[in-house]
Each structure stands twice: as structure tokens, then as C-alpha cells.
C-alpha atoms as a PDB file:
ATOM      1  CA  MET A   1     -23.157  25.052   6.921  1.00  0.00           C
ATOM      2  CA  VAL A   2     -24.874  25.992   3.869  1.00  0.00           C
ATOM      3  CA  VAL A   3     -21.806  26.856   2.334  1.00  0.00           C
ATOM      4  CA  ASP A   4     -20.288  23.502   3.262  1.00  0.00           C
ATOM      5  CA  SER A   5     -23.312  21.524   1.992  1.00  0.00           C
ATOM      6  CA  ARG A   6     -23.135  23.579  -1.427  1.00  0.00           C
ATOM      7  CA  SER A   7     -19.311  22.612  -1.623  1.00  0.00           C
ATOM      8  CA  ARG A   8     -19.950  18.936  -1.132  1.00  0.00           C
ATOM      9  CA  ILE A   9     -22.685  18.969  -3.730  1.00  0.00           C
ATOM     10  CA  ARG A  10     -20.496  20.586  -6.313  1.00  0.00           C
ATOM     11  CA  PHE A  11     -17.626  18.296  -5.503  1.00  0.00           C
ATOM     12  CA  LYS A  12     -20.049  15.482  -6.106  1.00  0.00           C
ATOM     13  CA  ASN A  13     -21.262  16.920  -9.549  1.00  0.00           C
ATOM     14  CA  ARG A  14     -17.786  17.499 -10.444  1.00  0.00           C
ATOM     15  CA  GLU A  15     -17.033  13.728  -9.846  1.00  0.00           C
ATOM     16  CA  LEU A  16     -20.009  12.654 -11.792  1.00  0.00           C
ATOM     17  CA  VAL A  17     -19.096  14.888 -14.838  1.00  0.00           C
ATOM     18  CA  LEU A  18     -15.670  13.620 -14.861  1.00  0.00           C
ATOM     19  CA  GLN A  19     -16.860   9.879 -14.807  1.00  0.00           C
ATOM     20  CA  GLN A  20     -19.132  10.788 -17.674  1.00  0.00           C
ATOM     21  CA  LEU A  21     -16.054  11.930 -19.559  1.00  0.00           C
ATOM     22  CA  PHE A  22     -14.292   8.721 -18.718  1.00  0.00           C
ATOM     23  CA  ASN A  23     -17.072   6.437 -19.822  1.00  0.00           C
ATOM     24  CA  ALA A  24     -17.856   8.051 -23.137  1.00  0.00           C
ATOM     25  CA  GLU A  25     -15.521   8.006 -26.159  1.00  0.00           C
ATOM     26  CA  VAL A  26     -16.881  11.356 -27.009  1.00  0.00           C
ATOM     27  CA  THR A  27     -19.711  13.303 -25.447  1.00  0.00           C
ATOM     28  CA  SER A  28     -21.279  16.903 -25.207  1.00  0.00           C
ATOM     29  CA  ARG A  29     -22.459  19.228 -22.394  1.00  0.00           C
ATOM     30  CA  VAL A  30     -26.025  18.499 -23.210  1.00  0.00           C
ATOM     31  CA  GLU A  31     -25.457  14.514 -23.261  1.00  0.00           C
ATOM     32  CA  ILE A  32     -23.606  15.027 -19.743  1.00  0.00           C
ATOM     33  CA  ALA A  33     -26.633  16.983 -18.463  1.00  0.00           C
ATOM     34  CA  ARG A  34     -29.125  14.552 -19.560  1.00  0.00           C
ATOM     35  CA  ALA A  35     -27.361  11.548 -18.318  1.00  0.00           C
ATOM     36  CA  LEU A  36     -26.843  13.095 -15.010  1.00  0.00           C
ATOM     37  CA  GLN A  37     -30.242  14.855 -14.828  1.00  0.00           C
ATOM     38  CA  LEU A  38     -28.346  17.926 -13.958  1.00  0.00           C
ATOM     39  CA  ASN A  39     -29.165  21.626 -14.796  1.00  0.00           C
ATOM     40  CA  LYS A  40     -27.516  22.640 -17.932  1.00  0.00           C
ATOM     41  CA  SER A  41     -26.122  25.733 -16.306  1.00  0.00           C
ATOM     42  CA  THR A  42     -24.441  23.560 -13.603  1.00  0.00           C
ATOM     43  CA  VAL A  43     -22.861  21.301 -16.059  1.00  0.00           C
ATOM     44  CA  SER A  44     -21.501  24.193 -18.062  1.00  0.00           C
ATOM     45  CA  SER A  45     -19.996  25.834 -15.019  1.00  0.00           C
ATOM     46  CA  ILE A  46     -18.318  22.464 -14.062  1.00  0.00           C
ATOM     47  CA  TYR A  47     -17.217  21.826 -17.812  1.00  0.00           C
ATOM     48  CA  ASN A  48     -15.596  25.174 -17.952  1.00  0.00           C
ATOM     49  CA  GLU A  49     -13.558  24.764 -14.692  1.00  0.00           C
ATOM     50  CA  LEU A  50     -12.566  21.320 -16.157  1.00  0.00           C
ATOM     51  CA  ASP A  51     -11.659  22.701 -19.450  1.00  0.00           C
ATOM     52  CA  GLN A  52      -9.376  25.527 -17.885  1.00  0.00           C
ATOM     53  CA  GLU A  53      -7.609  22.705 -15.683  1.00  0.00           C
ATOM     54  CA  GLY A  54      -6.837  20.651 -19.029  1.00  0.00           C
ATOM     55  CA  PHE A  55      -9.094  17.932 -18.573  1.00  0.00           C
ATOM     56  CA  ILE A  56     -10.999  18.335 -21.708  1.00  0.00           C
ATOM     57  CA  GLU A  57     -10.178  17.908 -25.445  1.00  0.00           C
ATOM     58  CA  GLU A  58     -12.270  19.076 -28.127  1.00  0.00           C
ATOM     59  CA  ALA A  59     -13.471  16.258 -30.565  1.00  0.00           C
ATOM     60  CA  GLY A  60     -15.200  18.179 -33.400  1.00  0.00           C
ATOM     61  CA  ARG A  61     -19.125  18.677 -34.086  1.00  0.00           C
ATOM     62  CA  GLY A  62     -21.932  16.217 -33.479  1.00  0.00           C
ATOM     63  CA  ASP A  63     -25.079  15.555 -35.727  1.00  0.00           C
ATOM     64  CA  SER A  64     -27.822  17.978 -35.547  1.00  0.00           C
ATOM     65  CA  THR A  65     -31.208  16.914 -34.063  1.00  0.00           C
ATOM     66  CA  SER A  66     -34.091  15.860 -36.240  1.00  0.00           C
ATOM     67  CA  SER A  67     -35.506  19.225 -35.680  1.00  0.00           C
ATOM     68  CA  GLY A  68     -32.349  20.809 -37.267  1.00  0.00           C
ATOM     69  CA  GLY A  69     -30.849  22.456 -34.268  1.00  0.00           C
ATOM     70  CA  ARG A  70     -27.382  23.640 -33.615  1.00  0.00           C
ATOM     71  CA  LYS A  71     -24.655  20.885 -33.980  1.00  0.00           C
ATOM     72  CA  PRO A  72     -23.366  20.138 -30.505  1.00  0.00           C
ATOM     73  CA  ASP A  73     -19.600  20.670 -29.690  1.00  0.00           C
ATOM     74  CA  LEU A  74     -18.187  17.169 -28.933  1.00  0.00           C
ATOM     75  CA  VAL A  75     -15.457  16.685 -26.303  1.00  0.00           C
ATOM     76  CA  LYS A  76     -13.500  13.925 -24.725  1.00  0.00           C
ATOM     77  CA  LEU A  77     -11.394  13.410 -21.617  1.00  0.00           C
ATOM     78  CA  ASN A  78      -7.940  14.611 -22.329  1.00  0.00           C
ATOM     79  CA  LYS A  79      -5.726  11.563 -21.830  1.00  0.00           C
ATOM     80  CA  ARG A  80      -2.757  13.366 -21.651  1.00  0.00           C
ATOM     81  CA  TYR A  81      -3.734  15.199 -18.576  1.00  0.00           C
ATOM     82  CA  GLY A  82      -1.814  12.667 -16.588  1.00  0.00           C
ATOM     83  CA  TYR A  83      -1.266   8.986 -15.933  1.00  0.00           C
ATOM     84  CA  VAL A  84      -1.719   6.252 -13.121  1.00  0.00           C
ATOM     85  CA  ALA A  85       0.313   3.242 -12.414  1.00  0.00           C
ATOM     86  CA  SER A  86      -0.976   0.033 -11.193  1.00  0.00           C
ATOM     87  CA  PHE A  87       0.856  -2.956  -9.556  1.00  0.00           C
ATOM     88  CA  GLU A  88      -0.242  -6.420  -8.704  1.00  0.00           C
ATOM     89  CA  ILE A  89       2.097  -8.174  -6.372  1.00  0.00           C
ATOM     90  CA  GLY A  90       1.249 -11.861  -6.903  1.00  0.00           C
ATOM     91  CA  THR A  91       2.516 -15.041  -5.560  1.00  0.00           C
ATOM     92  CA  ALA A  92       5.547 -15.356  -7.898  1.00  0.00           C
ATOM     93  CA  HIS A  93       5.184 -12.450 -10.031  1.00  0.00           C
ATOM     94  CA  LEU A  94       4.793  -8.868 -10.477  1.00  0.00           C
ATOM     95  CA  ARG A  95       2.492  -7.112 -12.985  1.00  0.00           C
ATOM     96  CA  MET A  96       3.041  -3.412 -13.809  1.00  0.00           C
ATOM     97  CA  MET A  97       0.815  -1.149 -15.859  1.00  0.00           C
ATOM     98  CA  PHE A  98       0.668   2.485 -16.676  1.00  0.00           C
ATOM     99  CA  ASN A  99      -2.426   4.128 -18.238  1.00  0.00           C
ATOM    100  CA  TYR A 100      -3.472   7.461 -19.547  1.00  0.00           C
ATOM    101  CA  LEU A 101      -6.082   9.260 -17.590  1.00  0.00           C
ATOM    102  CA  ASN A 102      -8.762   7.705 -20.209  1.00  0.00           C
ATOM    103  CA  GLY A 103      -7.698   4.237 -19.325  1.00  0.00           C
ATOM    104  CA  GLU A 104      -5.465   3.816 -22.558  1.00  0.00           C
ATOM    105  CA  ILE A 105      -2.636   1.533 -21.914  1.00  0.00           C
ATOM    106  CA  ILE A 106       0.839   3.098 -22.067  1.00  0.00           C
ATOM    107  CA  SER A 107       2.676   0.110 -21.146  1.00  0.00           C
ATOM    108  CA  TYR A 108       2.289  -3.272 -19.514  1.00  0.00           C
ATOM    109  CA  GLU A 109       4.944  -5.571 -18.049  1.00  0.00           C
ATOM    110  CA  GLN A 110       5.043  -8.821 -16.158  1.00  0.00           C
ATOM    111  CA  VAL A 111       8.155  -9.843 -14.499  1.00  0.00           C
ATOM    112  CA  GLU A 112       8.898 -13.329 -12.386  1.00  0.00           C
ATOM    113  CA  GLN A 113       9.459 -12.255  -8.871  1.00  0.00           C
ATOM    114  CA  GLU A 114      11.653 -14.823  -7.059  1.00  0.00           C
ATOM    115  CA  GLU A 115      12.021 -12.500  -3.965  1.00  0.00           C
ATOM    116  CA  SER A 116       8.912 -12.522  -1.729  1.00  0.00           C
ATOM    117  CA  ASP A 117      10.207  -9.692   0.723  1.00  0.00           C
ATOM    118  CA  LEU A 118       8.329  -6.490   0.283  1.00  0.00           C
ATOM    119  CA  LEU A 119      11.612  -4.389   0.388  1.00  0.00           C
ATOM    120  CA  SER A 120      12.790  -6.249  -2.825  1.00  0.00           C
ATOM    121  CA  ILE A 121       9.525  -5.716  -4.532  1.00  0.00           C
ATOM    122  CA  MET A 122       9.425  -2.175  -3.675  1.00  0.00           C
ATOM    123  CA  LYS A 123      12.764  -1.557  -5.205  1.00  0.00           C
ATOM    124  CA  VAL A 124      11.491  -2.661  -8.519  1.00  0.00           C
ATOM    125  CA  ILE A 125       8.337  -0.745  -8.480  1.00  0.00           C
ATOM    126  CA  LYS A 126      10.250   2.322  -7.635  1.00  0.00           C
ATOM    127  CA  GLU A 127      12.727   1.870 -10.480  1.00  0.00           C
ATOM    128  CA  ARG A 128       9.847   1.634 -12.961  1.00  0.00           C
ATOM    129  CA  LEU A 129       8.166   4.763 -11.403  1.00  0.00           C
ATOM    130  CA  ARG A 130      11.307   6.661 -11.846  1.00  0.00           C
ATOM    131  CA  LYS A 131      11.880   5.322 -15.360  1.00  0.00           C
ATOM    132  CA  MET A 132       8.464   6.092 -16.447  1.00  0.00           C
ATOM    133  CA  THR A 133       9.105   9.871 -15.737  1.00  0.00           C
ATOM    134  CA  ASP A 134      11.703  10.016 -18.373  1.00  0.00           C
ATOM    135  CA  PHE A 135       9.161   9.283 -20.988  1.00  0.00           C
ATOM    136  CA  ASP A 136       6.422  11.133 -19.663  1.00  0.00           C
ATOM    137  CA  ASN A 137       4.652  13.451 -22.049  1.00  0.00           C
ATOM    138  CA  THR A 138       1.714  14.469 -20.021  1.00  0.00           C
ATOM    139  CA  GLN A 139       0.500  17.769 -18.547  1.00  0.00           C
ATOM    140  CA  GLU A 140       0.537  16.761 -14.719  1.00  0.00           C
ATOM    141  CA  GLY A 141       2.550  13.623 -14.839  1.00  0.00           C
ATOM    142  CA  LEU A 142       1.717  10.846 -12.386  1.00  0.00           C
ATOM    143  CA  LEU A 143      -1.776  11.002 -10.758  1.00  0.00           C
ATOM    144  CA  ALA A 144      -1.996   8.139  -8.402  1.00  0.00           C
ATOM    145  CA  ILE A 145      -0.705   4.814  -7.714  1.00  0.00           C
ATOM    146  CA  GLY A 146      -2.655   1.326  -7.067  1.00  0.00           C
ATOM    147  CA  PHE A 147      -1.704  -1.762  -5.597  1.00  0.00           C
ATOM    148  CA  ALA A 148      -3.638  -4.956  -5.984  1.00  0.00           C
ATOM    149  CA  ILE A 149      -2.414  -7.477  -3.187  1.00  0.00           C
ATOM    150  CA  HIS A 150      -2.636 -11.315  -2.723  1.00  0.00           C
ATOM    151  CA  GLY A 151      -3.458 -11.166   0.913  1.00  0.00           C
ATOM    152  CA  VAL A 152      -5.558  -9.340   3.554  1.00  0.00           C
ATOM    153  CA  VAL A 153      -5.641  -5.401   3.463  1.00  0.00           C
ATOM    154  CA  ASN A 154      -7.101  -3.519   6.279  1.00  0.00           C
ATOM    155  CA  ASP A 155      -7.150   0.366   6.652  1.00  0.00           C
ATOM    156  CA  GLY A 156      -4.535   0.628   3.807  1.00  0.00           C
ATOM    157  CA  LYS A 157      -2.050  -1.808   5.154  1.00  0.00           C
ATOM    158  CA  ILE A 158      -1.302  -5.332   4.414  1.00  0.00           C
ATOM    159  CA  THR A 159      -2.160  -7.256   7.651  1.00  0.00           C
ATOM    160  CA  ASP A 160      -1.677 -10.876   6.553  1.00  0.00           C
ATOM    161  CA  SER A 161      -0.419 -12.509   3.264  1.00  0.00           C
ATOM    162  CA  PRO A 162       0.956 -16.075   2.884  1.00  0.00           C
ATOM    163  CA  PHE A 163       3.004 -15.064  -0.129  1.00  0.00           C
ATOM    164  CA  ILE A 164       4.634 -11.774   0.787  1.00  0.00           C
ATOM    165  CA  GLU A 165       7.225 -11.003   3.587  1.00  0.00           C
ATOM    166  CA  THR A 166       6.149  -7.377   4.701  1.00  0.00           C
ATOM    167  CA  ASP A 167       8.513  -6.904   7.551  1.00  0.00           C
ATOM    168  CA  GLY A 168       6.405  -4.124   8.756  1.00  0.00           C
ATOM    169  CA  LEU A 169       6.931  -2.053   5.968  1.00  0.00           C
ATOM    170  CA  ASP A 170       4.000   0.377   5.129  1.00  0.00           C
ATOM    171  CA  LEU A 171       3.587   0.329   1.330  1.00  0.00           C
ATOM    172  CA  GLN A 172       0.788   2.972   1.170  1.00  0.00           C
ATOM    173  CA  LYS A 173       2.680   5.411   3.322  1.00  0.00           C
ATOM    174  CA  TYR A 174       6.013   4.939   1.523  1.00  0.00           C
ATOM    175  CA  PHE A 175       4.829   5.708  -1.988  1.00  0.00           C
ATOM    176  CA  GLU A 176       2.880   8.546  -0.930  1.00  0.00           C
ATOM    177  CA  GLU A 177       5.571  10.166   0.766  1.00  0.00           C
ATOM    178  CA  ASN A 178       8.044   9.635  -1.986  1.00  0.00           C
ATOM    179  CA  PHE A 179       5.907  10.272  -5.008  1.00  0.00           C
ATOM    180  CA  GLY A 180       3.430  12.821  -3.536  1.00  0.00           C
ATOM    181  CA  VAL A 181       0.018  11.270  -4.994  1.00  0.00           C
ATOM    182  CA  PRO A 182      -2.619   9.356  -3.825  1.00  0.00           C
ATOM    183  CA  VAL A 183      -1.882   5.627  -3.244  1.00  0.00           C
ATOM    184  CA  ILE A 184      -4.574   2.940  -3.253  1.00  0.00           C
ATOM    185  CA  LEU A 185      -3.974  -0.453  -1.491  1.00  0.00           C
ATOM    186  CA  GLU A 186      -6.425  -3.221  -2.011  1.00  0.00           C
ATOM    187  CA  ASN A 187      -7.016  -7.032  -2.050  1.00  0.00           C
ATOM    188  CA  GLU A 188      -6.941  -8.212  -5.747  1.00  0.00           C
ATOM    189  CA  ALA A 189     -10.203 -10.283  -5.429  1.00  0.00           C
ATOM    190  CA  ASN A 190     -11.906  -7.197  -3.901  1.00  0.00           C
ATOM    191  CA  LEU A 191     -10.590  -4.930  -6.859  1.00  0.00           C
ATOM    192  CA  ALA A 192     -11.910  -7.883  -9.477  1.00  0.00           C
ATOM    193  CA  ALA A 193     -15.424  -7.226  -7.575  1.00  0.00           C
ATOM    194  CA  VAL A 194     -15.515  -3.610  -7.738  1.00  0.00           C
ATOM    195  CA  PHE A 195     -14.491  -3.884 -11.482  1.00  0.00           C
ATOM    196  CA  GLU A 196     -17.374  -6.244 -12.195  1.00  0.00           C
ATOM    197  CA  ARG A 197     -19.799  -3.658 -10.155  1.00  0.00           C
ATOM    198  CA  ASP A 198     -18.544  -0.715 -12.189  1.00  0.00           C
ATOM    199  CA  PHE A 199     -17.781  -2.028 -15.608  1.00  0.00           C
ATOM    200  CA  GLY A 200     -18.876  -5.770 -15.986  1.00  0.00           C
ATOM    201  CA  GLN A 201     -22.528  -5.697 -15.258  1.00  0.00           C
ATOM    202  CA  GLU A 202     -24.956  -4.527 -17.855  1.00  0.00           C
ATOM    203  CA  ASP A 203     -28.050  -5.075 -15.543  1.00  0.00           C
ATOM    204  CA  GLU A 204     -26.328  -3.260 -12.591  1.00  0.00           C
ATOM    205  CA  ASP A 205     -26.400  -6.041 -10.041  1.00  0.00           C
ATOM    206  CA  LYS A 206     -25.902  -4.851  -6.519  1.00  0.00           C
ATOM    207  CA  ASP A 207     -24.857  -8.222  -5.112  1.00  0.00           C
ATOM    208  CA  ILE A 208     -21.841  -9.773  -6.654  1.00  0.00           C
ATOM    209  CA  VAL A 209     -19.344 -12.246  -5.756  1.00  0.00           C
ATOM    210  CA  THR A 210     -16.131 -12.699  -7.620  1.00  0.00           C
ATOM    211  CA  ILE A 211     -13.755 -15.727  -7.082  1.00  0.00           C
ATOM    212  CA  SER A 212     -10.041 -15.396  -7.652  1.00  0.00           C
ATOM    213  CA  ILE A 213      -8.076 -18.864  -8.036  1.00  0.00           C
ATOM    214  CA  HIS A 214      -4.190 -18.795  -7.983  1.00  0.00           C
ATOM    215  CA  ARG A 215      -1.940 -20.179  -5.588  1.00  0.00           C
ATOM    216  CA  GLY A 216      -4.539 -19.282  -3.046  1.00  0.00           C
ATOM    217  CA  ILE A 217      -8.246 -18.631  -3.369  1.00  0.00           C
ATOM    218  CA  GLY A 218      -9.801 -15.333  -2.509  1.00  0.00           C
ATOM    219  CA  ALA A 219     -13.246 -13.758  -2.955  1.00  0.00           C
ATOM    220  CA  GLY A 220     -14.520 -10.134  -3.421  1.00  0.00           C
ATOM    221  CA  VAL A 221     -18.056  -9.459  -2.169  1.00  0.00           C
ATOM    222  CA  ILE A 222     -20.188  -6.558  -3.324  1.00  0.00           C
ATOM    223  CA  ALA A 223     -23.349  -6.571  -1.092  1.00  0.00           C
ATOM    224  CA  ASN A 224     -26.090  -3.842  -1.934  1.00  0.00           C
ATOM    225  CA  GLY A 225     -23.665  -1.957  -4.485  1.00  0.00           C
ATOM    226  CA  ARG A 226     -20.877  -1.657  -1.832  1.00  0.00           C
ATOM    227  CA  LEU A 227     -17.621  -3.634  -1.236  1.00  0.00           C
ATOM    228  CA  TYR A 228     -17.999  -5.673   1.840  1.00  0.00           C
ATOM    229  CA  ARG A 229     -14.892  -6.026   3.844  1.00  0.00           C
ATOM    230  CA  GLY A 230     -15.897  -8.111   6.983  1.00  0.00           C
ATOM    231  CA  TYR A 231     -14.047  -8.195   9.993  1.00  0.00           C
ATOM    232  CA  ARG A 232     -10.731  -6.439   9.683  1.00  0.00           C
ATOM    233  CA  GLY A 233     -10.772  -7.073   5.599  1.00  0.00           C
ATOM    234  CA  MET A 234     -11.119 -10.744   5.981  1.00  0.00           C
ATOM    235  CA  ALA A 235     -14.343 -11.284   4.311  1.00  0.00           C
ATOM    236  CA  GLY A 236     -13.037 -12.855   1.158  1.00  0.00           C
ATOM    237  CA  GLU A 237     -10.426 -15.104   2.670  1.00  0.00           C
ATOM    238  CA  ILE A 238     -11.870 -18.557   1.726  1.00  0.00           C
ATOM    239  CA  GLY A 239      -8.653 -20.275   0.770  1.00  0.00           C
ATOM    240  CA  ARG A 240      -7.771 -21.208   4.288  1.00  0.00           C
ATOM    241  CA  ASN A 241     -11.070 -22.135   5.372  1.00  0.00           C
ATOM    242  CA  LEU A 242     -11.530 -25.851   6.015  1.00  0.00           C
ATOM    243  CA  ILE A 243     -13.115 -28.422   3.680  1.00  0.00           C
ATOM    244  CA  ALA A 244     -13.688 -32.162   3.569  1.00  0.00           C
ATOM    245  CA  ASP A 245     -11.652 -33.921   0.913  1.00  0.00           C
ATOM    246  CA  THR A 246     -12.681 -37.177  -0.699  1.00  0.00           C
ATOM    247  CA  GLU A 247     -11.640 -39.225   2.508  1.00  0.00           C
ATOM    248  CA  GLY A 248     -13.582 -36.972   4.912  1.00  0.00           C
ATOM    249  CA  LYS A 249     -10.330 -35.396   6.233  1.00  0.00           C
ATOM    250  CA  LEU A 250     -10.496 -31.660   6.961  1.00  0.00           C
ATOM    251  CA  VAL A 251      -7.980 -29.782   4.808  1.00  0.00           C
ATOM    252  CA  LYS A 252      -7.702 -26.030   3.605  1.00  0.00           C
ATOM    253  CA  VAL A 253      -9.715 -25.159   0.503  1.00  0.00           C
ATOM    254  CA  GLU A 254      -6.731 -24.041  -1.291  1.00  0.00           C
ATOM    255  CA  ASN A 255      -5.169 -27.455  -0.793  1.00  0.00           C
ATOM    256  CA  LEU A 256      -7.779 -28.902  -3.109  1.00  0.00           C
ATOM    257  CA  CYS A 257      -9.091 -26.346  -5.415  1.00  0.00           C
ATOM    258  CA  SER A 258      -6.290 -23.710  -5.941  1.00  0.00           C
ATOM    259  CA  GLU A 259      -4.169 -23.443  -9.234  1.00  0.00           C
ATOM    260  CA  GLU A 260      -1.101 -24.882  -7.575  1.00  0.00           C
ATOM    261  CA  SER A 261      -2.836 -27.824  -5.969  1.00  0.00           C
ATOM    262  CA  LEU A 262      -4.513 -28.926  -9.324  1.00  0.00           C
ATOM    263  CA  LEU A 263      -1.187 -28.576 -11.145  1.00  0.00           C
ATOM    264  CA  ALA A 264       0.670 -30.647  -8.431  1.00  0.00           C
ATOM    265  CA  LEU A 265      -2.101 -33.326  -8.505  1.00  0.00           C
ATOM    266  CA  ALA A 266      -1.829 -33.357 -12.337  1.00  0.00           C
ATOM    267  CA  ARG A 267       1.866 -34.234 -12.092  1.00  0.00           C
ATOM    268  CA  GLN A 268       1.204 -36.833  -9.522  1.00  0.00           C
ATOM    269  CA  LYS A 269      -1.426 -38.750 -11.563  1.00  0.00           C
ATOM    270  CA  THR A 270      -0.002 -38.072 -15.169  1.00  0.00           C
ATOM    271  CA  GLY A 271       3.843 -37.729 -14.562  1.00  0.00           C
ATOM    272  CA  THR A 272       3.634 -34.606 -16.580  1.00  0.00           C
ATOM    273  CA  LYS A 273       4.668 -31.208 -15.209  1.00  0.00           C
ATOM    274  CA  TYR A 274       1.897 -28.859 -16.325  1.00  0.00           C
ATOM    275  CA  LYS A 275       1.688 -25.195 -16.507  1.00  0.00           C
ATOM    276  CA  ARG A 276      -1.499 -23.176 -16.344  1.00  0.00           C
ATOM    277  CA  ALA A 277      -1.802 -22.798 -20.060  1.00  0.00           C
ATOM    278  CA  THR A 278      -1.065 -26.392 -20.825  1.00  0.00           C
ATOM    279  CA  PHE A 279      -3.371 -27.674 -18.065  1.00  0.00           C
ATOM    280  CA  ALA A 280      -6.238 -25.676 -19.570  1.00  0.00           C
ATOM    281  CA  GLN A 281      -5.524 -26.941 -22.960  1.00  0.00           C
ATOM    282  CA  ALA A 282      -5.484 -30.575 -21.684  1.00  0.00           C
ATOM    283  CA  TYR A 283      -8.900 -29.919 -19.962  1.00  0.00           C
ATOM    284  CA  ARG A 284     -10.305 -28.543 -23.310  1.00  0.00           C
ATOM    285  CA  GLU A 285      -9.326 -31.694 -25.220  1.00  0.00           C
ATOM    286  CA  GLY A 286     -10.804 -33.919 -22.952  1.00  0.00           C
ATOM    287  CA  VAL A 287      -7.918 -35.679 -21.291  1.00  0.00           C
ATOM    288  CA  PRO A 288      -9.574 -37.928 -18.537  1.00  0.00           C
ATOM    289  CA  GLU A 289      -7.167 -37.481 -15.713  1.00  0.00           C
ATOM    290  CA  ILE A 290      -7.410 -33.800 -16.191  1.00  0.00           C
ATOM    291  CA  GLU A 291     -11.034 -33.685 -16.527  1.00  0.00           C
ATOM    292  CA  SER A 292     -11.377 -35.919 -13.349  1.00  0.00           C
ATOM    293  CA  ILE A 293      -9.064 -33.462 -11.218  1.00  0.00           C
ATOM    294  CA  VAL A 294     -11.028 -30.529 -12.212  1.00  0.00           C
ATOM    295  CA  ASP A 295     -14.497 -32.171 -11.695  1.00  0.00           C
ATOM    296  CA  GLU A 296     -13.463 -33.330  -8.100  1.00  0.00           C
ATOM    297  CA  SER A 297     -12.229 -30.004  -7.293  1.00  0.00           C
ATOM    298  CA  MET A 298     -15.548 -28.431  -8.257  1.00  0.00           C
ATOM    299  CA  ASP A 299     -17.558 -31.191  -6.390  1.00  0.00           C
ATOM    300  CA  ARG A 300     -20.854 -29.922  -4.708  1.00  0.00           C
ATOM    301  CA  LYS A 301     -20.674 -32.458  -2.009  1.00  0.00           C
ATOM    302  CA  HIS A 302     -17.713 -30.836  -0.398  1.00  0.00           C
ATOM    303  CA  THR A 303     -18.769 -29.195   2.873  1.00  0.00           C
ATOM    304  CA  ILE A 304     -16.983 -25.951   3.810  1.00  0.00           C
ATOM    305  CA  THR A 305     -16.293 -25.297   7.650  1.00  0.00           C
ATOM    306  CA  ILE A 306     -15.875 -21.634   8.288  1.00  0.00           C
ATOM    307  CA  ARG A 307     -13.237 -20.955  10.822  1.00  0.00           C
ATOM    308  CA  ASP A 308     -13.584 -18.356  13.273  1.00  0.00           C
ATOM    309  CA  ASP A 309     -10.109 -17.357  14.531  1.00  0.00           C
ATOM    310  CA  ASN A 310     -11.133 -14.209  16.042  1.00  0.00           C
END
């Protein structure tokens, strides 16, 4: 049991050292030990292990301290150790991005996705992944795949989506088996919340709510520093909750406040077929009809009635 405990601690410390390498453009063993409050010998042991595996790249010498000590050897994460692939399956689009291990973008592409069935989408994704291997110049190649889904995700599976026809396909299992790497499947609003927690908060707030407005409306909730999923992953599914409109009728929140509903209302009131960019520009320019549409969608007098389908 003692060995197991030590192994877990070492594994955690290894993760922390890698995190420091990822977050710092350049660093040193001394800086890593100071930031993590770990013994220098512990950091050196992990550092040597990571160096042998190819995670570390030398970055020259740093400045001496005010007392004139030895200049530290600077290092950085070796971006060409490998790469990761990320895909956002949206309501009518597919966004695809490949990144080196240090986060540097290799390529980014957005394609309009007329087909909503998951099998057709998977074919496009598989083709892009295969194509990327032809241009791969990294040590280990593909390291992991991430999927951002507009829908409910529970236990690594899409359990409900108004935009994607899943036909019982297991996206995570398929790509893990075919590409032999870890696959993360998550709701896109949840991922936005995790990003804000990890990279967007200078004051390290432990409680965060992100709102994602598109064809539907979703929320990501960070409670006490952890992602809160709720019952079967449905904590952020606010778009299909009920809300009173200006006439007092109960309608879905997304029928009043989603991107699609605002664009439709703008066409109805002005006769102009707005797109997202032109709608935003019209609001910034103070077009009265557009301002009233946005103001009404943000009216604080609306009352939300939370549904309990379970």
C-alpha cells in the first residue's frame, strides 16, 4: 500500500510539472520547484524522466540572481513531442483544430455541415485525422482527441441533442478503437466553463457560470472549483426550460433568446435577412429595431420555470 501511495503521489507530481511546462513559455527546474513547492530533488528526478521521454526542449540560459549565482538552464515544453485534435460538432457546422503539445495551432478549419447524422460527420472527421498523419512531423504523433458537443453528454456518450442524429453511435468508443488514443467527449458549454476556470480567471474564482448562446442555449457550471454536471449531465440545459414571453405565454428560453430566434425576429420586424455578424453590427450602430429585440431578450422581468422531466 505504501508503494501504491508513493506511485500516486509521483504521478500527480509529474502531472503538475508538465502543467508548469505547458503554462510557462520558458522555465527552469528551480522555478518549477518554487512554483509547486516541491523538493528540488523530486523535480529533478521527474524532469530527467520527462527529458528522456522527449517532453523537454532546451531554451538557453537565464539571468543570474542578484547575488551572482550560476545562470539557470532554461527549458520549455517540446511542442513537437506530439499533437492533439479537437472537433466542435455544432448545429450546422464542424470546427476542426490541430494543436502541437504546447497549444500552438497547426491548423484550423470550419466547414458548413448540411448533414446532421453523426455517421456523416464522423466520416469527415476521420478523413481529416487520416490526412493529418500525412503531414505529421512530431515524435509521437496523435496524442488525444477532444469533442465539443451541442447536446447532453453523460458518461462519455451523447444522450440527447436536438441538432445531431446519433443513431446509437458511440463516438468516443469508435475513435478510441480506431486511433488508439484517449478521447474526451464533453458538452461545449461545459468546456467553456472549464477553460474559464483554468485559463480565464486571474482571481481564481471557484464558482463560475458560462452561457453559450447559439441555435440553442447552454450553460457550464463550475461549483467550488469543479465542473457540476447535475443529473445525467443535464445541469446546463437551460435552453429548453420554460419562460414567460411578453404576452405571458410559456415558451422555451431558446425560442426567445437564442441566436436563431433573434435573427428570425429581426427578419420579421425589418424585412432584412440578418446574419450573426450583420446583426451584431446593426446593434452596435444603434438600429432601433435591433436594439429593441436585444433589450427584450435580456429583459429581467422574464420568469423562468424550471422543468423537471425526471
